[in-house]
Amino acid sequence: MVRLDVRGQVITLRREDAERLRAAAAAASALSSRRRDLALVLDWALSSPRVVALRRSEARELAQLLAEDASLAHLGEALGGSVRRPAA
């Protein structure tokens, strides 16, 4: 299990879901330094038993990533209010 602090809420992700998020963020890391940062934080969370806190920019990127990728939509629902959707 991977534990993240997203805007003051501690959420727990299955390892497989965290790996999918990391892979999706890493895939866009060449185009976006914020996606690279998110991928690095998720990588650290995968290798750490501790709760890893996301900065505001990383939480925004996570929300945007979940909104863009339909295959990750179930994670957005699971995270609920912890990750706000970016304004359209």
PDB file of N, CA and C in Angstrom:
ATOM      1  N   MET A   1       0.834  -1.178   0.000  1.00  0.00           N
ATOM      2  CA  MET A   1       0.000   0.000   0.000  1.00  0.00           C
ATOM      3  C   MET A   1       0.884   1.248   0.000  1.00  0.00           C
ATOM      4  N   VAL A   2       0.382   2.260  -0.655  1.00  0.00           N
ATOM      5  CA  VAL A   2       1.094   3.531  -0.763  1.00  0.00           C
ATOM      6  C   VAL A   2       0.213   4.595  -0.123  1.00  0.00           C
ATOM      7  N   ARG A   3       0.811   5.372   0.779  1.00  0.00           N
ATOM      8  CA  ARG A   3       0.039   6.409   1.466  1.00  0.00           C
ATOM      9  C   ARG A   3       0.539   7.783   1.050  1.00  0.00           C
ATOM     10  N   LEU A   4      -0.421   8.624   0.635  1.00  0.00           N
ATOM     11  CA  LEU A   4      -0.115   9.980   0.206  1.00  0.00           C
ATOM     12  C   LEU A   4      -0.927  10.969   1.024  1.00  0.00           C
ATOM     13  N   ASP A   5      -0.312  12.095   1.337  1.00  0.00           N
ATOM     14  CA  ASP A   5      -1.020  13.208   1.965  1.00  0.00           C
ATOM     15  C   ASP A   5      -1.330  14.194   0.849  1.00  0.00           C
ATOM     16  N   VAL A   6      -2.609  14.286   0.496  1.00  0.00           N
ATOM     17  CA  VAL A   6      -3.040  15.177  -0.576  1.00  0.00           C
ATOM     18  C   VAL A   6      -3.911  16.255   0.051  1.00  0.00           C
ATOM     19  N   ARG A   7      -3.360  17.458   0.158  1.00  0.00           N
ATOM     20  CA  ARG A   7      -4.083  18.604   0.723  1.00  0.00           C
ATOM     21  C   ARG A   7      -4.651  18.301   2.103  1.00  0.00           C
ATOM     22  N   GLY A   8      -3.830  17.679   2.936  1.00  0.00           N
ATOM     23  CA  GLY A   8      -4.220  17.416   4.316  1.00  0.00           C
ATOM     24  C   GLY A   8      -4.993  16.128   4.539  1.00  0.00           C
ATOM     25  N   GLN A   9      -5.330  15.421   3.488  1.00  0.00           N
ATOM     26  CA  GLN A   9      -6.043  14.154   3.590  1.00  0.00           C
ATOM     27  C   GLN A   9      -5.077  13.018   3.282  1.00  0.00           C
ATOM     28  N   VAL A  10      -4.974  12.064   4.172  1.00  0.00           N
ATOM     29  CA  VAL A  10      -4.126  10.901   3.903  1.00  0.00           C
ATOM     30  C   VAL A  10      -4.960   9.885   3.134  1.00  0.00           C
ATOM     31  N   ILE A  11      -4.459   9.519   1.966  1.00  0.00           N
ATOM     32  CA  ILE A  11      -5.150   8.535   1.137  1.00  0.00           C
ATOM     33  C   ILE A  11      -4.245   7.324   0.961  1.00  0.00           C
ATOM     34  N   THR A  12      -4.853   6.178   0.808  1.00  0.00           N
ATOM     35  CA  THR A  12      -4.112   4.938   0.612  1.00  0.00           C
ATOM     36  C   THR A  12      -4.450   4.383  -0.760  1.00  0.00           C
ATOM     37  N   LEU A  13      -3.412   4.106  -1.518  1.00  0.00           N
ATOM     38  CA  LEU A  13      -3.568   3.543  -2.857  1.00  0.00           C
ATOM     39  C   LEU A  13      -2.997   2.135  -2.887  1.00  0.00           C
ATOM     40  N   ARG A  14      -3.600   1.299  -3.715  1.00  0.00           N
ATOM     41  CA  ARG A  14      -2.983  -0.002  -3.962  1.00  0.00           C
ATOM     42  C   ARG A  14      -1.678   0.245  -4.709  1.00  0.00           C
ATOM     43  N   ARG A  15      -0.720  -0.600  -4.501  1.00  0.00           N
ATOM     44  CA  ARG A  15       0.585  -0.445  -5.144  1.00  0.00           C
ATOM     45  C   ARG A  15       0.450  -0.392  -6.672  1.00  0.00           C
ATOM     46  N   GLU A  16      -0.406  -1.234  -7.221  1.00  0.00           N
ATOM     47  CA  GLU A  16      -0.592  -1.260  -8.678  1.00  0.00           C
ATOM     48  C   GLU A  16      -1.109   0.078  -9.196  1.00  0.00           C
ATOM     49  N   ASP A  17      -2.039   0.687  -8.449  1.00  0.00           N
ATOM     50  CA  ASP A  17      -2.589   1.977  -8.867  1.00  0.00           C
ATOM     51  C   ASP A  17      -1.531   3.073  -8.796  1.00  0.00           C
ATOM     52  N   ALA A  18      -0.728   3.055  -7.744  1.00  0.00           N
ATOM     53  CA  ALA A  18       0.346   4.045  -7.621  1.00  0.00           C
ATOM     54  C   ALA A  18       1.369   3.869  -8.748  1.00  0.00           C
ATOM     55  N   GLU A  19       1.640   2.631  -9.115  1.00  0.00           N
ATOM     56  CA  GLU A  19       2.575   2.378 -10.223  1.00  0.00           C
ATOM     57  C   GLU A  19       2.009   2.879 -11.549  1.00  0.00           C
ATOM     58  N   ARG A  20       0.710   2.703 -11.760  1.00  0.00           N
ATOM     59  CA  ARG A  20       0.077   3.216 -12.980  1.00  0.00           C
ATOM     60  C   ARG A  20       0.129   4.737 -13.023  1.00  0.00           C
ATOM     61  N   LEU A  21      -0.122   5.375 -11.889  1.00  0.00           N
ATOM     62  CA  LEU A  21      -0.043   6.838 -11.826  1.00  0.00           C
ATOM     63  C   LEU A  21       1.377   7.314 -12.106  1.00  0.00           C
ATOM     64  N   ARG A  22       2.344   6.636 -11.506  1.00  0.00           N
ATOM     65  CA  ARG A  22       3.744   7.008 -11.724  1.00  0.00           C
ATOM     66  C   ARG A  22       4.112   6.861 -13.195  1.00  0.00           C
ATOM     67  N   ALA A  23       3.693   5.765 -13.811  1.00  0.00           N
ATOM     68  CA  ALA A  23       4.005   5.536 -15.226  1.00  0.00           C
ATOM     69  C   ALA A  23       3.358   6.598 -16.109  1.00  0.00           C
ATOM     70  N   ALA A  24       2.124   6.968 -15.800  1.00  0.00           N
ATOM     71  CA  ALA A  24       1.439   7.993 -16.594  1.00  0.00           C
ATOM     72  C   ALA A  24       2.123   9.348 -16.435  1.00  0.00           C
ATOM     73  N   ALA A  25       2.528   9.682 -15.221  1.00  0.00           N
ATOM     74  CA  ALA A  25       3.228  10.951 -14.987  1.00  0.00           C
ATOM     75  C   ALA A  25       4.600  10.932 -15.652  1.00  0.00           C
ATOM     76  N   ALA A  26       5.290   9.809 -15.577  1.00  0.00           N
ATOM     77  CA  ALA A  26       6.618   9.704 -16.183  1.00  0.00           C
ATOM     78  C   ALA A  26       6.544   9.792 -17.703  1.00  0.00           C
ATOM     79  N   ALA A  27       5.461   9.288 -18.283  1.00  0.00           N
ATOM     80  CA  ALA A  27       5.312   9.330 -19.740  1.00  0.00           C
ATOM     81  C   ALA A  27       5.254  10.765 -20.255  1.00  0.00           C
ATOM     82  N   ALA A  28       4.743  11.671 -19.432  1.00  0.00           N
ATOM     83  CA  ALA A  28       4.641  13.077 -19.840  1.00  0.00           C
ATOM     84  C   ALA A  28       5.754  13.933 -19.239  1.00  0.00           C
ATOM     85  N   SER A  29       6.703  13.308 -18.587  1.00  0.00           N
ATOM     86  CA  SER A  29       7.744  14.073 -17.888  1.00  0.00           C
ATOM     87  C   SER A  29       8.679  14.825 -18.827  1.00  0.00           C
ATOM     88  N   ALA A  30       8.796  14.377 -20.059  1.00  0.00           N
ATOM     89  CA  ALA A  30       9.655  15.090 -21.018  1.00  0.00           C
ATOM     90  C   ALA A  30       9.041  16.424 -21.425  1.00  0.00           C
ATOM     91  N   LEU A  31       7.730  16.522 -21.311  1.00  0.00           N
ATOM     92  CA  LEU A  31       7.031  17.739 -21.714  1.00  0.00           C
ATOM     93  C   LEU A  31       6.712  18.664 -20.548  1.00  0.00           C
ATOM     94  N   SER A  32       6.705  18.137 -19.334  1.00  0.00           N
ATOM     95  CA  SER A  32       6.278  18.917 -18.177  1.00  0.00           C
ATOM     96  C   SER A  32       7.145  18.600 -16.963  1.00  0.00           C
ATOM     97  N   SER A  33       7.771  19.625 -16.416  1.00  0.00           N
ATOM     98  CA  SER A  33       8.588  19.412 -15.215  1.00  0.00           C
ATOM     99  C   SER A  33       7.704  19.087 -14.016  1.00  0.00           C
ATOM    100  N   ARG A  34       6.466  19.579 -14.016  1.00  0.00           N
ATOM    101  CA  ARG A  34       5.558  19.255 -12.911  1.00  0.00           C
ATOM    102  C   ARG A  34       5.157  17.786 -12.946  1.00  0.00           C
ATOM    103  N   ARG A  35       4.988  17.232 -14.140  1.00  0.00           N
ATOM    104  CA  ARG A  35       4.702  15.793 -14.245  1.00  0.00           C
ATOM    105  C   ARG A  35       5.919  14.987 -13.811  1.00  0.00           C
ATOM    106  N   ARG A  36       7.108  15.476 -14.154  1.00  0.00           N
ATOM    107  CA  ARG A  36       8.331  14.799 -13.718  1.00  0.00           C
ATOM    108  C   ARG A  36       8.397  14.792 -12.195  1.00  0.00           C
ATOM    109  N   ASP A  37       8.089  15.941 -11.575  1.00  0.00           N
ATOM    110  CA  ASP A  37       8.102  16.023 -10.116  1.00  0.00           C
ATOM    111  C   ASP A  37       7.101  15.053  -9.500  1.00  0.00           C
ATOM    112  N   LEU A  38       5.904  14.985 -10.076  1.00  0.00           N
ATOM    113  CA  LEU A  38       4.890  14.055  -9.575  1.00  0.00           C
ATOM    114  C   LEU A  38       5.373  12.613  -9.706  1.00  0.00           C
ATOM    115  N   ALA A  39       5.980  12.280 -10.837  1.00  0.00           N
ATOM    116  CA  ALA A  39       6.505  10.922 -11.034  1.00  0.00           C
ATOM    117  C   ALA A  39       7.572  10.597  -9.990  1.00  0.00           C
ATOM    118  N   LEU A  40       8.432  11.558  -9.689  1.00  0.00           N
ATOM    119  CA  LEU A  40       9.481  11.335  -8.686  1.00  0.00           C
ATOM    120  C   LEU A  40       8.896  11.142  -7.292  1.00  0.00           C
ATOM    121  N   VAL A  41       7.888  11.941  -6.949  1.00  0.00           N
ATOM    122  CA  VAL A  41       7.252  11.813  -5.636  1.00  0.00           C
ATOM    123  C   VAL A  41       6.539  10.465  -5.524  1.00  0.00           C
ATOM    124  N   LEU A  42       5.857  10.061  -6.580  1.00  0.00           N
ATOM    125  CA  LEU A  42       5.187   8.758  -6.555  1.00  0.00           C
ATOM    126  C   LEU A  42       6.198   7.618  -6.471  1.00  0.00           C
ATOM    127  N   ASP A  43       7.336   7.775  -7.125  1.00  0.00           N
ATOM    128  CA  ASP A  43       8.393   6.774  -7.044  1.00  0.00           C
ATOM    129  C   ASP A  43       8.903   6.663  -5.612  1.00  0.00           C
ATOM    130  N   TRP A  44       9.081   7.804  -4.973  1.00  0.00           N
ATOM    131  CA  TRP A  44       9.529   7.815  -3.584  1.00  0.00           C
ATOM    132  C   TRP A  44       8.475   7.170  -2.684  1.00  0.00           C
ATOM    133  N   ALA A  45       7.200   7.484  -2.928  1.00  0.00           N
ATOM    134  CA  ALA A  45       6.123   6.912  -2.117  1.00  0.00           C
ATOM    135  C   ALA A  45       6.071   5.393  -2.270  1.00  0.00           C
ATOM    136  N   LEU A  46       6.358   4.907  -3.471  1.00  0.00           N
ATOM    137  CA  LEU A  46       6.349   3.463  -3.705  1.00  0.00           C
ATOM    138  C   LEU A  46       7.462   2.747  -2.944  1.00  0.00           C
ATOM    139  N   SER A  47       8.551   3.446  -2.686  1.00  0.00           N
ATOM    140  CA  SER A  47       9.678   2.806  -2.009  1.00  0.00           C
ATOM    141  C   SER A  47       9.751   3.151  -0.522  1.00  0.00           C
ATOM    142  N   SER A  48       8.770   3.888  -0.015  1.00  0.00           N
ATOM    143  CA  SER A  48       8.800   4.313   1.378  1.00  0.00           C
ATOM    144  C   SER A  48       7.574   3.797   2.130  1.00  0.00           C
ATOM    145  N   PRO A  49       7.760   3.339   3.364  1.00  0.00           N
ATOM    146  CA  PRO A  49       6.602   2.925   4.160  1.00  0.00           C
ATOM    147  C   PRO A  49       5.885   4.120   4.798  1.00  0.00           C
ATOM    148  N   ARG A  50       6.460   5.305   4.664  1.00  0.00           N
ATOM    149  CA  ARG A  50       5.910   6.507   5.303  1.00  0.00           C
ATOM    150  C   ARG A  50       4.863   7.181   4.423  1.00  0.00           C
ATOM    151  N   VAL A  51       4.095   8.072   5.047  1.00  0.00           N
ATOM    152  CA  VAL A  51       3.152   8.902   4.299  1.00  0.00           C
ATOM    153  C   VAL A  51       3.965   9.961   3.571  1.00  0.00           C
ATOM    154  N   VAL A  52       3.733  10.111   2.282  1.00  0.00           N
ATOM    155  CA  VAL A  52       4.459  11.083   1.472  1.00  0.00           C
ATOM    156  C   VAL A  52       3.495  12.209   1.112  1.00  0.00           C
ATOM    157  N   ALA A  53       3.884  13.431   1.448  1.00  0.00           N
ATOM    158  CA  ALA A  53       3.026  14.593   1.201  1.00  0.00           C
ATOM    159  C   ALA A  53       3.260  15.155  -0.195  1.00  0.00           C
ATOM    160  N   LEU A  54       2.165  15.437  -0.883  1.00  0.00           N
ATOM    161  CA  LEU A  54       2.240  16.092  -2.185  1.00  0.00           C
ATOM    162  C   LEU A  54       2.133  17.596  -1.976  1.00  0.00           C
ATOM    163  N   ARG A  55       2.973  18.332  -2.689  1.00  0.00           N
ATOM    164  CA  ARG A  55       2.848  19.789  -2.674  1.00  0.00           C
ATOM    165  C   ARG A  55       1.624  20.169  -3.497  1.00  0.00           C
ATOM    166  N   ARG A  56       1.232  21.421  -3.385  1.00  0.00           N
ATOM    167  CA  ARG A  56       0.046  21.890  -4.092  1.00  0.00           C
ATOM    168  C   ARG A  56       0.145  21.652  -5.600  1.00  0.00           C
ATOM    169  N   SER A  57       1.304  21.955  -6.169  1.00  0.00           N
ATOM    170  CA  SER A  57       1.469  21.783  -7.618  1.00  0.00           C
ATOM    171  C   SER A  57       1.378  20.309  -8.011  1.00  0.00           C
ATOM    172  N   GLU A  58       1.898  19.431  -7.170  1.00  0.00           N
ATOM    173  CA  GLU A  58       1.831  17.998  -7.456  1.00  0.00           C
ATOM    174  C   GLU A  58       0.396  17.487  -7.344  1.00  0.00           C
ATOM    175  N   ALA A  59      -0.348  18.017  -6.377  1.00  0.00           N
ATOM    176  CA  ALA A  59      -1.755  17.635  -6.238  1.00  0.00           C
ATOM    177  C   ALA A  59      -2.557  18.093  -7.455  1.00  0.00           C
ATOM    178  N   ARG A  60      -2.243  19.286  -7.965  1.00  0.00           N
ATOM    179  CA  ARG A  60      -2.921  19.772  -9.180  1.00  0.00           C
ATOM    180  C   ARG A  60      -2.602  18.882 -10.375  1.00  0.00           C
ATOM    181  N   GLU A  61      -1.340  18.502 -10.507  1.00  0.00           N
ATOM    182  CA  GLU A  61      -0.953  17.619 -11.613  1.00  0.00           C
ATOM    183  C   GLU A  61      -1.627  16.262 -11.492  1.00  0.00           C
ATOM    184  N   LEU A  62      -1.742  15.764 -10.273  1.00  0.00           N
ATOM    185  CA  LEU A  62      -2.430  14.491 -10.053  1.00  0.00           C
ATOM    186  C   LEU A  62      -3.884  14.601 -10.501  1.00  0.00           C
ATOM    187  N   ALA A  63      -4.553  15.689 -10.130  1.00  0.00           N
ATOM    188  CA  ALA A  63      -5.946  15.891 -10.536  1.00  0.00           C
ATOM    189  C   ALA A  63      -6.063  15.980 -12.052  1.00  0.00           C
ATOM    190  N   GLN A  64      -5.139  16.690 -12.675  1.00  0.00           N
ATOM    191  CA  GLN A  64      -5.178  16.829 -14.128  1.00  0.00           C
ATOM    192  C   GLN A  64      -4.917  15.482 -14.811  1.00  0.00           C
ATOM    193  N   LEU A  65      -3.989  14.733 -14.275  1.00  0.00           N
ATOM    194  CA  LEU A  65      -3.676  13.411 -14.822  1.00  0.00           C
ATOM    195  C   LEU A  65      -4.891  12.491 -14.749  1.00  0.00           C
ATOM    196  N   LEU A  66      -5.586  12.522 -13.623  1.00  0.00           N
ATOM    197  CA  LEU A  66      -6.776  11.690 -13.458  1.00  0.00           C
ATOM    198  C   LEU A  66      -7.892  12.121 -14.405  1.00  0.00           C
ATOM    199  N   ALA A  67      -7.990  13.424 -14.659  1.00  0.00           N
ATOM    200  CA  ALA A  67      -9.030  13.934 -15.560  1.00  0.00           C
ATOM    201  C   ALA A  67      -8.733  13.583 -17.017  1.00  0.00           C
ATOM    202  N   GLU A  68      -7.463  13.516 -17.374  1.00  0.00           N
ATOM    203  CA  GLU A  68      -7.064  13.261 -18.764  1.00  0.00           C
ATOM    204  C   GLU A  68      -7.130  11.796 -19.164  1.00  0.00           C
ATOM    205  N   ASP A  69      -6.908  10.911 -18.228  1.00  0.00           N
ATOM    206  CA  ASP A  69      -6.777   9.487 -18.549  1.00  0.00           C
ATOM    207  C   ASP A  69      -7.990   8.709 -18.046  1.00  0.00           C
ATOM    208  N   ALA A  70      -8.825   8.269 -18.966  1.00  0.00           N
ATOM    209  CA  ALA A  70     -10.045   7.545 -18.598  1.00  0.00           C
ATOM    210  C   ALA A  70      -9.742   6.248 -17.846  1.00  0.00           C
ATOM    211  N   SER A  71      -8.600   5.639 -18.124  1.00  0.00           N
ATOM    212  CA  SER A  71      -8.267   4.381 -17.445  1.00  0.00           C
ATOM    213  C   SER A  71      -7.918   4.598 -15.971  1.00  0.00           C
ATOM    214  N   LEU A  72      -7.680   5.854 -15.592  1.00  0.00           N
ATOM    215  CA  LEU A  72      -7.378   6.178 -14.196  1.00  0.00           C
ATOM    216  C   LEU A  72      -8.566   6.831 -13.493  1.00  0.00           C
ATOM    217  N   ALA A  73      -9.701   6.929 -14.177  1.00  0.00           N
ATOM    218  CA  ALA A  73     -10.867   7.635 -13.639  1.00  0.00           C
ATOM    219  C   ALA A  73     -11.336   7.045 -12.307  1.00  0.00           C
ATOM    220  N   HIS A  74     -11.257   5.726 -12.170  1.00  0.00           N
ATOM    221  CA  HIS A  74     -11.709   5.107 -10.919  1.00  0.00           C
ATOM    222  C   HIS A  74     -10.888   5.592  -9.726  1.00  0.00           C
ATOM    223  N   LEU A  75      -9.641   5.981  -9.957  1.00  0.00           N
ATOM    224  CA  LEU A  75      -8.817   6.507  -8.868  1.00  0.00           C
ATOM    225  C   LEU A  75      -9.303   7.883  -8.447  1.00  0.00           C
ATOM    226  N   GLY A  76      -9.714   8.680  -9.411  1.00  0.00           N
ATOM    227  CA  GLY A  76     -10.252  10.000  -9.088  1.00  0.00           C
ATOM    228  C   GLY A  76     -11.482   9.889  -8.210  1.00  0.00           C
ATOM    229  N   GLU A  77     -12.331   8.911  -8.511  1.00  0.00           N
ATOM    230  CA  GLU A  77     -13.521   8.680  -7.699  1.00  0.00           C
ATOM    231  C   GLU A  77     -13.131   8.181  -6.310  1.00  0.00           C
ATOM    232  N   ALA A  78     -12.123   7.328  -6.241  1.00  0.00           N
ATOM    233  CA  ALA A  78     -11.679   6.792  -4.954  1.00  0.00           C
ATOM    234  C   ALA A  78     -11.056   7.877  -4.086  1.00  0.00           C
ATOM    235  N   LEU A  79     -10.382   8.833  -4.723  1.00  0.00           N
ATOM    236  CA  LEU A  79      -9.751   9.913  -3.973  1.00  0.00           C
ATOM    237  C   LEU A  79     -10.769  10.953  -3.535  1.00  0.00           C
ATOM    238  N   GLY A  80     -11.911  10.977  -4.190  1.00  0.00           N
ATOM    239  CA  GLY A  80     -12.995  11.861  -3.790  1.00  0.00           C
ATOM    240  C   GLY A  80     -12.597  13.317  -3.763  1.00  0.00           C
ATOM    241  N   GLY A  81     -12.856  13.982  -2.652  1.00  0.00           N
ATOM    242  CA  GLY A  81     -12.591  15.411  -2.523  1.00  0.00           C
ATOM    243  C   GLY A  81     -11.140  15.747  -2.281  1.00  0.00           C
ATOM    244  N   SER A  82     -10.294  14.751  -2.100  1.00  0.00           N
ATOM    245  CA  SER A  82      -8.883  15.035  -1.836  1.00  0.00           C
ATOM    246  C   SER A  82      -8.192  15.664  -3.026  1.00  0.00           C
ATOM    247  N   VAL A  83      -8.630  15.282  -4.210  1.00  0.00           N
ATOM    248  CA  VAL A  83      -8.021  15.809  -5.430  1.00  0.00           C
ATOM    249  C   VAL A  83      -9.101  16.545  -6.194  1.00  0.00           C
ATOM    250  N   ARG A  84      -8.993  17.855  -6.223  1.00  0.00           N
ATOM    251  CA  ARG A  84      -9.985  18.653  -6.941  1.00  0.00           C
ATOM    252  C   ARG A  84      -9.676  18.647  -8.420  1.00  0.00           C
ATOM    253  N   ARG A  85     -10.710  18.586  -9.214  1.00  0.00           N
ATOM    254  CA  ARG A  85     -10.550  18.629 -10.662  1.00  0.00           C
ATOM    255  C   ARG A  85     -10.152  20.032 -11.075  1.00  0.00           C
ATOM    256  N   PRO A  86      -9.241  20.149 -12.034  1.00  0.00           N
ATOM    257  CA  PRO A  86      -8.873  21.476 -12.520  1.00  0.00           C
ATOM    258  C   PRO A  86     -10.042  22.109 -13.260  1.00  0.00           C
ATOM    259  N   ALA A  87     -10.119  23.434 -13.189  1.00  0.00           N
ATOM    260  CA  ALA A  87     -11.197  24.151 -13.873  1.00  0.00           C
ATOM    261  C   ALA A  87     -11.018  24.038 -15.374  1.00  0.00           C
ATOM    262  N   ALA A  88     -12.119  23.901 -16.068  1.00  0.00           N
ATOM    263  CA  ALA A  88     -12.054  23.761 -17.531  1.00  0.00           C
ATOM    264  C   ALA A  88     -11.913  25.099 -18.208  1.00  0.00           C
TER     265      ALA A  88
END
